[in-house]
Protein backbone atom coordinates (compact mmCIF):
# COMPACT_ATOMS: atom_id res chain seq x y z
CA UNK A 1 -8.06 28.14 66.18
CA UNK A 2 -9.99 26.83 63.17
CA UNK A 3 -11.59 23.59 62.03
CA UNK A 4 -11.39 22.46 58.41
CA UNK A 5 -14.95 21.94 57.10
CA UNK A 6 -14.48 21.42 53.36
CA UNK A 7 -11.72 21.55 50.80
CA UNK A 8 -11.22 21.36 47.05
CA UNK A 9 -7.61 20.62 46.13
CA UNK A 10 -8.17 21.34 42.43
CA UNK A 11 -9.25 24.92 43.21
CA UNK A 12 -6.87 25.16 46.20
CA UNK A 13 -9.74 26.40 48.37
CA UNK A 14 -10.90 25.38 51.84
CA UNK A 15 -13.67 26.41 54.20
CA UNK A 16 -12.69 26.88 57.82
CA UNK A 17 -14.83 27.36 60.90
CA UNK A 18 -13.12 29.82 63.21
CA UNK A 19 -13.53 29.29 66.94
CA UNK A 20 -14.29 32.54 68.78
CA UNK A 21 -13.88 34.89 65.81
CA UNK A 22 -13.03 38.49 66.59
CA UNK A 23 -12.95 41.44 64.21
CA UNK A 24 -14.74 39.35 61.58
CA UNK A 25 -17.86 40.45 59.75
CA UNK A 26 -19.94 38.20 57.50
CA UNK A 27 -19.92 39.02 53.81
CA UNK A 28 -23.10 39.25 51.79
CA UNK A 29 -23.18 36.17 49.56
CA UNK A 30 -25.33 36.04 46.45
CA UNK A 31 -26.84 32.99 44.76
CA UNK A 32 -26.58 34.59 41.33
CA UNK A 33 -23.66 36.14 39.50
CA UNK A 34 -23.91 39.85 40.13
CA UNK A 35 -21.22 41.34 37.92
CA UNK A 36 -20.52 42.19 34.33
CA UNK A 37 -17.70 43.89 32.48
CA UNK A 38 -17.39 47.39 33.93
CA UNK A 39 -18.71 46.49 37.39
CA UNK A 40 -16.87 48.42 40.11
CA UNK A 41 -15.09 45.99 42.44
CA UNK A 42 -12.83 46.04 45.49
CA UNK A 43 -10.03 43.64 46.32
CA UNK A 44 -9.29 43.05 50.00
CA UNK A 45 -6.41 41.05 51.38
CA UNK A 46 -3.84 40.88 54.11
CA UNK A 47 -0.19 40.13 53.64
CA UNK A 48 0.43 38.90 57.17
CA UNK A 49 -2.95 37.53 58.31
CA UNK A 50 -3.63 40.43 60.67
CA UNK A 51 -6.02 43.36 60.56
CA UNK A 52 -2.96 45.64 60.54
CA UNK A 53 -1.81 44.18 57.22
CA UNK A 54 -5.22 44.63 55.56
CA UNK A 55 -5.39 46.59 52.33
CA UNK A 56 -8.11 47.43 49.84
CA UNK A 57 -7.79 48.25 46.14
CA UNK A 58 -10.45 49.44 43.72
CA UNK A 59 -10.94 48.42 40.10
CA UNK A 60 -13.44 47.07 37.58
CA UNK A 61 -14.35 43.71 36.11
CA UNK A 62 -12.48 43.77 32.82
CA UNK A 63 -13.34 40.33 31.50
CA UNK A 64 -14.73 36.86 32.13
CA UNK A 65 -12.59 33.86 31.22
CA UNK A 66 -12.73 30.09 31.46
CA UNK A 67 -9.60 27.98 31.93
CA UNK A 68 -9.82 24.18 32.25
CA UNK A 69 -13.57 24.35 32.97
CA UNK A 70 -13.04 26.88 35.76
CA UNK A 71 -14.70 30.26 35.23
CA UNK A 72 -12.59 33.28 36.19
CA UNK A 73 -13.43 36.92 36.81
CA UNK A 74 -10.77 39.18 35.32
CA UNK A 75 -10.35 42.45 37.19
CA UNK A 76 -7.92 45.34 36.92
CA UNK A 77 -7.15 45.51 40.64
CA UNK A 78 -3.62 45.58 41.96
CA UNK A 79 -2.61 42.49 43.94
CA UNK A 80 0.66 41.22 45.38
CA UNK A 81 2.36 37.94 44.50
CA UNK A 82 2.49 36.62 48.08
CA UNK A 83 -1.20 36.88 48.98
CA UNK A 84 -3.52 33.94 49.46
CA UNK A 85 -7.22 34.14 50.10
CA UNK A 86 -7.69 37.72 48.95
CA UNK A 87 -11.29 38.31 47.96
CA UNK A 88 -13.27 40.40 45.50
CA UNK A 89 -16.31 42.42 46.60
CA UNK A 90 -18.82 44.58 44.75
CA UNK A 91 -19.68 48.13 45.85
CA UNK A 92 -22.38 46.74 48.18
CA UNK A 93 -19.95 44.40 49.93
CA UNK A 94 -21.19 41.23 48.24
CA UNK A 95 -18.58 38.48 47.99
CA UNK A 96 -17.78 37.88 44.29
CA UNK A 97 -14.76 35.60 44.38
CA UNK A 98 -11.30 34.59 45.63
CA UNK A 99 -8.00 35.42 43.98
CA UNK A 100 -6.63 32.69 41.77
CA UNK A 101 -3.80 34.25 39.75
CA UNK A 102 -2.44 37.38 38.15
CA UNK A 103 -0.50 38.29 35.05
CA UNK A 104 3.11 39.14 35.82
CA UNK A 105 4.98 40.77 32.96
CA UNK A 106 7.08 43.87 32.40
CA UNK A 107 4.41 45.30 30.10
CA UNK A 108 1.30 44.36 32.13
CA UNK A 109 0.25 45.46 35.62
CA UNK A 110 -2.91 45.03 37.63
CA UNK A 111 -4.68 42.18 35.82
CA UNK A 112 -5.83 39.55 38.29
CA UNK A 113 -8.15 36.56 38.08
CA UNK A 114 -10.69 35.40 40.66
CA UNK A 115 -12.68 32.19 41.03
CA UNK A 116 -16.35 33.28 41.24
CA UNK A 117 -18.08 32.71 44.59
CA UNK A 118 -20.91 30.69 43.07
CA UNK A 119 -18.39 28.30 41.44
CA UNK A 120 -16.56 27.89 44.76
CA UNK A 121 -19.80 27.05 46.59
CA UNK A 122 -20.83 24.63 43.85
CA UNK A 123 -17.49 22.80 43.92
CA UNK A 124 -17.55 22.64 47.74
CA UNK A 125 -21.21 21.45 47.76
CA UNK A 126 -22.37 24.48 49.73
CA UNK A 127 -25.94 25.72 49.19
CA UNK A 128 -26.52 29.44 49.76
CA UNK A 129 -30.06 30.35 50.76
């Protein structure tokens, strides 16, 4: 059971408060951007919402983009088309961002885009201390 705390329809992101969470661990959240091109990153997601469907892929930050005033982290991590809410972490487990999109083409594989954590918090009016 979860309670909706905040949402941003433009970014398609919400913050939920989970009642009686189990098997959840808090992520380290940074106030400052802590990545640059070449930073080693990890993508974690689940395809069915359970711990059994959890997978982790490794890659690097391969670019930084801006589309319609939304900054995006470009990373060469493999993602699936049906995932929502997958997140990007650095090697220390700090939360960097949430998946937004990926390039799907016969000649391109493994280029995904993430909304940076600090942008999400800013747009949801969340102050990290």
